[in-house]
Each structure stands twice: as structure tokens, then as C-alpha cells.
Amino acid sequence: RDTIVICELADQCRASGYIRYAIQCYLYLLDDQPASGDPHFDQVHRSRLHNNLATCYQDLNDNENALRHYQSSLKILENENIKD
């Protein structure tokens, strides 16, 4: 699906130093939810996107946005664990 392709592209951009483009891709993917028909997969995917965004912001020394996305990622995972 397009979601996986875009996510892989964003990962490659980040690894190549195109951090701002990677951020745009991850933000697009966050808006383009759900990624599948599986609610558990979609939540885990959403958590990973927030984690990837946090890492990008950390690379840019934007600690405020990095922390916000790390917290969002953790909150999603905590909610998933409550359901299991």
C-alpha cells in the first residue's frame, strides 16, 4: 500500500539528511490514517510515526517537538497495552 512506500521513503530521507522532507512525509501519514483495516496495527503504526517524527525533531535540535511526539507515541502504546 502507499502508506508503506511513503514511510520507507521518509525513512530513507531521514537517513540521507533530508529531515524536513521526512517530517512532511510522516505528518502526511499521520493525517492519512488508518493504514489498514486492523485497529491494533493502525495504532502501532501511528505510534511509530510519532516516534519517527520525534527522532527527526531531535536531529534538528527541536527538543520541544521531539518530546511532544515521544509522549504521543508512548501514550498510544500505553493505551494499546490497556486493551490487550
PDB file of N, CA and C in Angstrom:
ATOM      1  N   ARG A   1       0.834  -1.193   0.000  1.00  0.00           N
ATOM      2  CA  ARG A   1       0.000   0.000   0.000  1.00  0.00           C
ATOM      3  C   ARG A   1       0.878   1.256   0.000  1.00  0.00           C
ATOM      4  N   ASP A   2       0.320   2.354  -0.402  1.00  0.00           N
ATOM      5  CA  ASP A   2       1.065   3.613  -0.485  1.00  0.00           C
ATOM      6  C   ASP A   2       1.665   4.023   0.852  1.00  0.00           C
ATOM      7  N   THR A   3       0.978   3.704   1.932  1.00  0.00           N
ATOM      8  CA  THR A   3       1.454   4.093   3.257  1.00  0.00           C
ATOM      9  C   THR A   3       2.841   3.534   3.533  1.00  0.00           C
ATOM     10  N   ILE A   4       3.045   2.271   3.210  1.00  0.00           N
ATOM     11  CA  ILE A   4       4.339   1.635   3.454  1.00  0.00           C
ATOM     12  C   ILE A   4       5.412   2.265   2.574  1.00  0.00           C
ATOM     13  N   VAL A   5       5.098   2.521   1.325  1.00  0.00           N
ATOM     14  CA  VAL A   5       6.056   3.138   0.392  1.00  0.00           C
ATOM     15  C   VAL A   5       6.459   4.522   0.893  1.00  0.00           C
ATOM     16  N   ILE A   6       5.499   5.309   1.298  1.00  0.00           N
ATOM     17  CA  ILE A   6       5.792   6.665   1.784  1.00  0.00           C
ATOM     18  C   ILE A   6       6.610   6.607   3.066  1.00  0.00           C
ATOM     19  N   CYS A   7       6.272   5.666   3.936  1.00  0.00           N
ATOM     20  CA  CYS A   7       7.022   5.521   5.195  1.00  0.00           C
ATOM     21  C   CYS A   7       8.485   5.138   4.903  1.00  0.00           C
ATOM     22  N   GLU A   8       8.685   4.228   3.978  1.00  0.00           N
ATOM     23  CA  GLU A   8      10.050   3.839   3.600  1.00  0.00           C
ATOM     24  C   GLU A   8      10.807   5.009   2.978  1.00  0.00           C
ATOM     25  N   LEU A   9      10.116   5.784   2.157  1.00  0.00           N
ATOM     26  CA  LEU A   9      10.730   6.972   1.558  1.00  0.00           C
ATOM     27  C   LEU A   9      11.139   7.957   2.654  1.00  0.00           C
ATOM     28  N   ALA A  10      10.259   8.184   3.605  1.00  0.00           N
ATOM     29  CA  ALA A  10      10.564   9.097   4.710  1.00  0.00           C
ATOM     30  C   ALA A  10      11.768   8.594   5.507  1.00  0.00           C
ATOM     31  N   ASP A  11      11.826   7.290   5.759  1.00  0.00           N
ATOM     32  CA  ASP A  11      12.967   6.711   6.482  1.00  0.00           C
ATOM     33  C   ASP A  11      14.269   6.945   5.717  1.00  0.00           C
ATOM     34  N   GLN A  12      14.223   6.761   4.403  1.00  0.00           N
ATOM     35  CA  GLN A  12      15.413   6.972   3.573  1.00  0.00           C
ATOM     36  C   GLN A  12      15.819   8.441   3.553  1.00  0.00           C
ATOM     37  N   CYS A  13      14.828   9.325   3.501  1.00  0.00           N
ATOM     38  CA  CYS A  13      15.126  10.764   3.519  1.00  0.00           C
ATOM     39  C   CYS A  13      15.810  11.155   4.814  1.00  0.00           C
ATOM     40  N   ARG A  14      15.281  10.654   5.915  1.00  0.00           N
ATOM     41  CA  ARG A  14      15.886  10.971   7.212  1.00  0.00           C
ATOM     42  C   ARG A  14      17.323  10.458   7.261  1.00  0.00           C
ATOM     43  N   ALA A  15      17.536   9.225   6.815  1.00  0.00           N
ATOM     44  CA  ALA A  15      18.877   8.636   6.832  1.00  0.00           C
ATOM     45  C   ALA A  15      19.842   9.411   5.942  1.00  0.00           C
ATOM     46  N   SER A  16      19.315  10.060   4.900  1.00  0.00           N
ATOM     47  CA  SER A  16      20.148  10.832   3.971  1.00  0.00           C
ATOM     48  C   SER A  16      20.309  12.288   4.383  1.00  0.00           C
ATOM     49  N   GLY A  17      19.662  12.671   5.479  1.00  0.00           N
ATOM     50  CA  GLY A  17      19.805  14.030   5.963  1.00  0.00           C
ATOM     51  C   GLY A  17      18.713  14.987   5.515  1.00  0.00           C
ATOM     52  N   TYR A  18      17.726  14.484   4.807  1.00  0.00           N
ATOM     53  CA  TYR A  18      16.597  15.327   4.370  1.00  0.00           C
ATOM     54  C   TYR A  18      15.503  15.276   5.435  1.00  0.00           C
ATOM     55  N   ILE A  19      15.830  15.832   6.584  1.00  0.00           N
ATOM     56  CA  ILE A  19      14.985  15.715   7.777  1.00  0.00           C
ATOM     57  C   ILE A  19      13.644  16.413   7.575  1.00  0.00           C
ATOM     58  N   ARG A  20      13.657  17.601   7.056  1.00  0.00           N
ATOM     59  CA  ARG A  20      12.392  18.341   6.907  1.00  0.00           C
ATOM     60  C   ARG A  20      11.436  17.654   5.934  1.00  0.00           C
ATOM     61  N   TYR A  21      11.975  17.046   4.883  1.00  0.00           N
ATOM     62  CA  TYR A  21      11.117  16.302   3.959  1.00  0.00           C
ATOM     63  C   TYR A  21      10.550  15.063   4.647  1.00  0.00           C
ATOM     64  N   ALA A  22      11.380  14.393   5.431  1.00  0.00           N
ATOM     65  CA  ALA A  22      10.911  13.223   6.180  1.00  0.00           C
ATOM     66  C   ALA A  22       9.780  13.613   7.121  1.00  0.00           C
ATOM     67  N   ILE A  23       9.926  14.752   7.785  1.00  0.00           N
ATOM     68  CA  ILE A  23       8.880  15.237   8.691  1.00  0.00           C
ATOM     69  C   ILE A  23       7.575  15.434   7.929  1.00  0.00           C
ATOM     70  N   GLN A  24       7.655  16.035   6.759  1.00  0.00           N
ATOM     71  CA  GLN A  24       6.440  16.249   5.960  1.00  0.00           C
ATOM     72  C   GLN A  24       5.772  14.926   5.595  1.00  0.00           C
ATOM     73  N   CYS A  25       6.573  13.934   5.247  1.00  0.00           N
ATOM     74  CA  CYS A  25       6.027  12.612   4.912  1.00  0.00           C
ATOM     75  C   CYS A  25       5.347  11.978   6.124  1.00  0.00           C
ATOM     76  N   TYR A  26       6.019  12.013   7.268  1.00  0.00           N
ATOM     77  CA  TYR A  26       5.435  11.413   8.475  1.00  0.00           C
ATOM     78  C   TYR A  26       4.155  12.134   8.887  1.00  0.00           C
ATOM     79  N   LEU A  27       4.138  13.454   8.783  1.00  0.00           N
ATOM     80  CA  LEU A  27       2.921  14.206   9.120  1.00  0.00           C
ATOM     81  C   LEU A  27       1.789  13.858   8.158  1.00  0.00           C
ATOM     82  N   TYR A  28       2.110  13.719   6.885  1.00  0.00           N
ATOM     83  CA  TYR A  28       1.105  13.307   5.902  1.00  0.00           C
ATOM     84  C   TYR A  28       0.531  11.946   6.282  1.00  0.00           C
ATOM     85  N   LEU A  29       1.391  11.021   6.649  1.00  0.00           N
ATOM     86  CA  LEU A  29       0.935   9.686   7.016  1.00  0.00           C
ATOM     87  C   LEU A  29       0.071   9.701   8.274  1.00  0.00           C
ATOM     88  N   LEU A  30       0.402  10.565   9.220  1.00  0.00           N
ATOM     89  CA  LEU A  30      -0.431  10.677  10.419  1.00  0.00           C
ATOM     90  C   LEU A  30      -1.843  11.139  10.063  1.00  0.00           C
ATOM     91  N   ASP A  31      -1.944  12.022   9.086  1.00  0.00           N
ATOM     92  CA  ASP A  31      -3.254  12.512   8.646  1.00  0.00           C
ATOM     93  C   ASP A  31      -3.981  11.491   7.789  1.00  0.00           C
ATOM     94  N   ASP A  32      -3.239  10.546   7.223  1.00  0.00           N
ATOM     95  CA  ASP A  32      -3.800   9.570   6.291  1.00  0.00           C
ATOM     96  C   ASP A  32      -4.104   8.244   6.988  1.00  0.00           C
ATOM     97  N   GLN A  33      -4.596   8.323   8.207  1.00  0.00           N
ATOM     98  CA  GLN A  33      -4.926   7.125   8.959  1.00  0.00           C
ATOM     99  C   GLN A  33      -6.352   6.719   8.690  1.00  0.00           C
ATOM    100  N   PRO A  34      -6.721   5.474   8.830  1.00  0.00           N
ATOM    101  CA  PRO A  34      -5.890   4.344   9.241  1.00  0.00           C
ATOM    102  C   PRO A  34      -5.078   3.762   8.076  1.00  0.00           C
ATOM    103  N   ALA A  35      -4.057   3.020   8.422  1.00  0.00           N
ATOM    104  CA  ALA A  35      -3.171   2.437   7.422  1.00  0.00           C
ATOM    105  C   ALA A  35      -3.696   1.099   6.913  1.00  0.00           C
ATOM    106  N   SER A  36      -4.539   0.458   7.707  1.00  0.00           N
ATOM    107  CA  SER A  36      -5.066  -0.852   7.327  1.00  0.00           C
ATOM    108  C   SER A  36      -6.450  -1.015   7.951  1.00  0.00           C
ATOM    109  N   GLY A  37      -6.972  -2.203   7.847  1.00  0.00           N
ATOM    110  CA  GLY A  37      -8.258  -2.487   8.473  1.00  0.00           C
ATOM    111  C   GLY A  37      -8.109  -3.042   9.878  1.00  0.00           C
ATOM    112  N   ASP A  38      -6.877  -3.193  10.336  1.00  0.00           N
ATOM    113  CA  ASP A  38      -6.593  -3.781  11.648  1.00  0.00           C
ATOM    114  C   ASP A  38      -6.336  -2.663  12.660  1.00  0.00           C
ATOM    115  N   PRO A  39      -7.249  -2.454  13.612  1.00  0.00           N
ATOM    116  CA  PRO A  39      -7.090  -1.346  14.571  1.00  0.00           C
ATOM    117  C   PRO A  39      -5.795  -1.423  15.385  1.00  0.00           C
ATOM    118  N   HIS A  40      -5.370  -2.637  15.765  1.00  0.00           N
ATOM    119  CA  HIS A  40      -4.132  -2.777  16.541  1.00  0.00           C
ATOM    120  C   HIS A  40      -2.931  -2.344  15.692  1.00  0.00           C
ATOM    121  N   PHE A  41      -2.865  -2.829  14.451  1.00  0.00           N
ATOM    122  CA  PHE A  41      -1.768  -2.449  13.556  1.00  0.00           C
ATOM    123  C   PHE A  41      -1.751  -0.940  13.356  1.00  0.00           C
ATOM    124  N   ASP A  42      -2.931  -0.347  13.149  1.00  0.00           N
ATOM    125  CA  ASP A  42      -3.008   1.094  12.911  1.00  0.00           C
ATOM    126  C   ASP A  42      -2.495   1.895  14.100  1.00  0.00           C
ATOM    127  N   GLN A  43      -2.799   1.456  15.299  1.00  0.00           N
ATOM    128  CA  GLN A  43      -2.322   2.161  16.496  1.00  0.00           C
ATOM    129  C   GLN A  43      -0.804   2.031  16.630  1.00  0.00           C
ATOM    130  N   VAL A  44      -0.285   0.838  16.397  1.00  0.00           N
ATOM    131  CA  VAL A  44       1.168   0.641  16.470  1.00  0.00           C
ATOM    132  C   VAL A  44       1.863   1.467  15.393  1.00  0.00           C
ATOM    133  N   HIS A  45       1.287   1.478  14.195  1.00  0.00           N
ATOM    134  CA  HIS A  45       1.845   2.279  13.097  1.00  0.00           C
ATOM    135  C   HIS A  45       1.850   3.760  13.473  1.00  0.00           C
ATOM    136  N   ARG A  46       0.763   4.229  14.035  1.00  0.00           N
ATOM    137  CA  ARG A  46       0.650   5.635  14.453  1.00  0.00           C
ATOM    138  C   ARG A  46       1.708   5.962  15.522  1.00  0.00           C
ATOM    139  N   SER A  47       1.895   5.048  16.444  1.00  0.00           N
ATOM    140  CA  SER A  47       2.915   5.240  17.480  1.00  0.00           C
ATOM    141  C   SER A  47       4.308   5.340  16.860  1.00  0.00           C
ATOM    142  N   ARG A  48       4.585   4.484  15.897  1.00  0.00           N
ATOM    143  CA  ARG A  48       5.890   4.516  15.225  1.00  0.00           C
ATOM    144  C   ARG A  48       6.096   5.820  14.462  1.00  0.00           C
ATOM    145  N   LEU A  49       5.027   6.303  13.829  1.00  0.00           N
ATOM    146  CA  LEU A  49       5.141   7.576  13.118  1.00  0.00           C
ATOM    147  C   LEU A  49       5.497   8.704  14.079  1.00  0.00           C
ATOM    148  N   HIS A  50       4.848   8.730  15.234  1.00  0.00           N
ATOM    149  CA  HIS A  50       5.178   9.755  16.237  1.00  0.00           C
ATOM    150  C   HIS A  50       6.619   9.596  16.700  1.00  0.00           C
ATOM    151  N   ASN A  51       7.060   8.362  16.894  1.00  0.00           N
ATOM    152  CA  ASN A  51       8.429   8.120  17.326  1.00  0.00           C
ATOM    153  C   ASN A  51       9.421   8.582  16.254  1.00  0.00           C
ATOM    154  N   ASN A  52       9.112   8.293  14.988  1.00  0.00           N
ATOM    155  CA  ASN A  52       9.981   8.733  13.895  1.00  0.00           C
ATOM    156  C   ASN A  52      10.029  10.257  13.803  1.00  0.00           C
ATOM    157  N   LEU A  53       8.874  10.882  13.987  1.00  0.00           N
ATOM    158  CA  LEU A  53       8.833  12.353  13.999  1.00  0.00           C
ATOM    159  C   LEU A  53       9.688  12.904  15.137  1.00  0.00           C
ATOM    160  N   ALA A  54       9.570  12.301  16.291  1.00  0.00           N
ATOM    161  CA  ALA A  54      10.346  12.754  17.444  1.00  0.00           C
ATOM    162  C   ALA A  54      11.844  12.683  17.143  1.00  0.00           C
ATOM    163  N   THR A  55      12.252  11.606  16.516  1.00  0.00           N
ATOM    164  CA  THR A  55      13.661  11.441  16.168  1.00  0.00           C
ATOM    165  C   THR A  55      14.109  12.511  15.179  1.00  0.00           C
ATOM    166  N   CYS A  56      13.250  12.805  14.200  1.00  0.00           N
ATOM    167  CA  CYS A  56      13.577  13.867  13.233  1.00  0.00           C
ATOM    168  C   CYS A  56      13.739  15.212  13.937  1.00  0.00           C
ATOM    169  N   TYR A  57      12.784  15.538  14.802  1.00  0.00           N
ATOM    170  CA  TYR A  57      12.870  16.816  15.519  1.00  0.00           C
ATOM    171  C   TYR A  57      14.105  16.854  16.425  1.00  0.00           C
ATOM    172  N   GLN A  58      14.438  15.717  16.994  1.00  0.00           N
ATOM    173  CA  GLN A  58      15.642  15.651  17.822  1.00  0.00           C
ATOM    174  C   GLN A  58      16.877  15.928  16.961  1.00  0.00           C
ATOM    175  N   ASP A  59      16.890  15.381  15.729  1.00  0.00           N
ATOM    176  CA  ASP A  59      18.004  15.651  14.801  1.00  0.00           C
ATOM    177  C   ASP A  59      18.137  17.143  14.508  1.00  0.00           C
ATOM    178  N   LEU A  60      17.012  17.856  14.530  1.00  0.00           N
ATOM    179  CA  LEU A  60      17.015  19.301  14.268  1.00  0.00           C
ATOM    180  C   LEU A  60      17.200  20.128  15.546  1.00  0.00           C
ATOM    181  N   ASN A  61      17.449  19.455  16.653  1.00  0.00           N
ATOM    182  CA  ASN A  61      17.591  20.090  17.970  1.00  0.00           C
ATOM    183  C   ASN A  61      16.324  20.835  18.394  1.00  0.00           C
ATOM    184  N   ASP A  62      15.183  20.358  17.938  1.00  0.00           N
ATOM    185  CA  ASP A  62      13.890  20.905  18.337  1.00  0.00           C
ATOM    186  C   ASP A  62      13.329  19.987  19.424  1.00  0.00           C
ATOM    187  N   ASN A  63      13.854  20.174  20.618  1.00  0.00           N
ATOM    188  CA  ASN A  63      13.526  19.264  21.711  1.00  0.00           C
ATOM    189  C   ASN A  63      12.070  19.339  22.156  1.00  0.00           C
ATOM    190  N   GLU A  64      11.444  20.488  21.991  1.00  0.00           N
ATOM    191  CA  GLU A  64      10.045  20.629  22.384  1.00  0.00           C
ATOM    192  C   GLU A  64       9.144  19.735  21.520  1.00  0.00           C
ATOM    193  N   ASN A  65       9.322  19.802  20.212  1.00  0.00           N
ATOM    194  CA  ASN A  65       8.530  18.940  19.327  1.00  0.00           C
ATOM    195  C   ASN A  65       8.927  17.474  19.467  1.00  0.00           C
ATOM    196  N   ALA A  66      10.204  17.223  19.683  1.00  0.00           N
ATOM    197  CA  ALA A  66      10.648  15.836  19.883  1.00  0.00           C
ATOM    198  C   ALA A  66       9.953  15.242  21.102  1.00  0.00           C
ATOM    199  N   LEU A  67       9.952  15.964  22.197  1.00  0.00           N
ATOM    200  CA  LEU A  67       9.317  15.469  23.415  1.00  0.00           C
ATOM    201  C   LEU A  67       7.821  15.257  23.213  1.00  0.00           C
ATOM    202  N   ARG A  68       7.187  16.184  22.526  1.00  0.00           N
ATOM    203  CA  ARG A  68       5.738  16.071  22.280  1.00  0.00           C
ATOM    204  C   ARG A  68       5.417  14.800  21.504  1.00  0.00           C
ATOM    205  N   HIS A  69       6.209  14.487  20.486  1.00  0.00           N
ATOM    206  CA  HIS A  69       5.941  13.286  19.693  1.00  0.00           C
ATOM    207  C   HIS A  69       6.337  12.008  20.426  1.00  0.00           C
ATOM    208  N   TYR A  70       7.407  12.059  21.219  1.00  0.00           N
ATOM    209  CA  TYR A  70       7.740  10.889  22.033  1.00  0.00           C
ATOM    210  C   TYR A  70       6.605  10.600  23.018  1.00  0.00           C
ATOM    211  N   GLN A  71       6.051  11.638  23.619  1.00  0.00           N
ATOM    212  CA  GLN A  71       4.946  11.459  24.557  1.00  0.00           C
ATOM    213  C   GLN A  71       3.710  10.907  23.850  1.00  0.00           C
ATOM    214  N   SER A  72       3.429  11.387  22.646  1.00  0.00           N
ATOM    215  CA  SER A  72       2.286  10.873  21.880  1.00  0.00           C
ATOM    216  C   SER A  72       2.477   9.392  21.560  1.00  0.00           C
ATOM    217  N   SER A  73       3.677   9.031  21.171  1.00  0.00           N
ATOM    218  CA  SER A  73       3.978   7.634  20.870  1.00  0.00           C
ATOM    219  C   SER A  73       3.766   6.754  22.098  1.00  0.00           C
ATOM    220  N   LEU A  74       4.288   7.204  23.213  1.00  0.00           N
ATOM    221  CA  LEU A  74       4.163   6.439  24.453  1.00  0.00           C
ATOM    222  C   LEU A  74       2.706   6.314  24.887  1.00  0.00           C
ATOM    223  N   LYS A  75       1.965   7.391  24.766  1.00  0.00           N
ATOM    224  CA  LYS A  75       0.549   7.374  25.160  1.00  0.00           C
ATOM    225  C   LYS A  75      -0.239   6.352  24.335  1.00  0.00           C
ATOM    226  N   ILE A  76       0.029   6.298  23.040  1.00  0.00           N
ATOM    227  CA  ILE A  76      -0.643   5.318  22.173  1.00  0.00           C
ATOM    228  C   ILE A  76      -0.306   3.905  22.617  1.00  0.00           C
ATOM    229  N   LEU A  77       0.961   3.655  22.887  1.00  0.00           N
ATOM    230  CA  LEU A  77       1.380   2.315  23.318  1.00  0.00           C
ATOM    231  C   LEU A  77       0.787   1.955  24.673  1.00  0.00           C
ATOM    232  N   GLU A  78       0.707   2.905  25.564  1.00  0.00           N
ATOM    233  CA  GLU A  78       0.088   2.646  26.874  1.00  0.00           C
ATOM    234  C   GLU A  78      -1.382   2.281  26.700  1.00  0.00           C
ATOM    235  N   ASN A  79      -2.083   2.994  25.831  1.00  0.00           N
ATOM    236  CA  ASN A  79      -3.491   2.689  25.579  1.00  0.00           C
ATOM    237  C   ASN A  79      -3.659   1.328  24.934  1.00  0.00           C
ATOM    238  N   GLU A  80      -2.739   0.940  24.058  1.00  0.00           N
ATOM    239  CA  GLU A  80      -2.787  -0.374  23.422  1.00  0.00           C
ATOM    240  C   GLU A  80      -2.588  -1.472  24.471  1.00  0.00           C
ATOM    241  N   ASN A  81      -1.677  -1.252  25.405  1.00  0.00           N
ATOM    242  CA  ASN A  81      -1.416  -2.253  26.440  1.00  0.00           C
ATOM    243  C   ASN A  81      -2.615  -2.424  27.364  1.00  0.00           C
ATOM    244  N   ILE A  82      -3.358  -1.376  27.600  1.00  0.00           N
ATOM    245  CA  ILE A  82      -4.547  -1.451  28.443  1.00  0.00           C
ATOM    246  C   ILE A  82      -5.596  -2.329  27.780  1.00  0.00           C
ATOM    247  N   LYS A  83      -5.715  -2.248  26.446  1.00  0.00           N
ATOM    248  CA  LYS A  83      -6.722  -3.009  25.714  1.00  0.00           C
ATOM    249  C   LYS A  83      -6.378  -4.490  25.654  1.00  0.00           C
ATOM    250  N   ASP A  84      -5.068  -4.811  25.645  1.00  0.00           N
ATOM    251  CA  ASP A  84      -4.647  -6.224  25.495  1.00  0.00           C
ATOM    252  C   ASP A  84      -4.927  -7.044  26.729  1.00  0.00           C
TER     253      ASP A  84
END
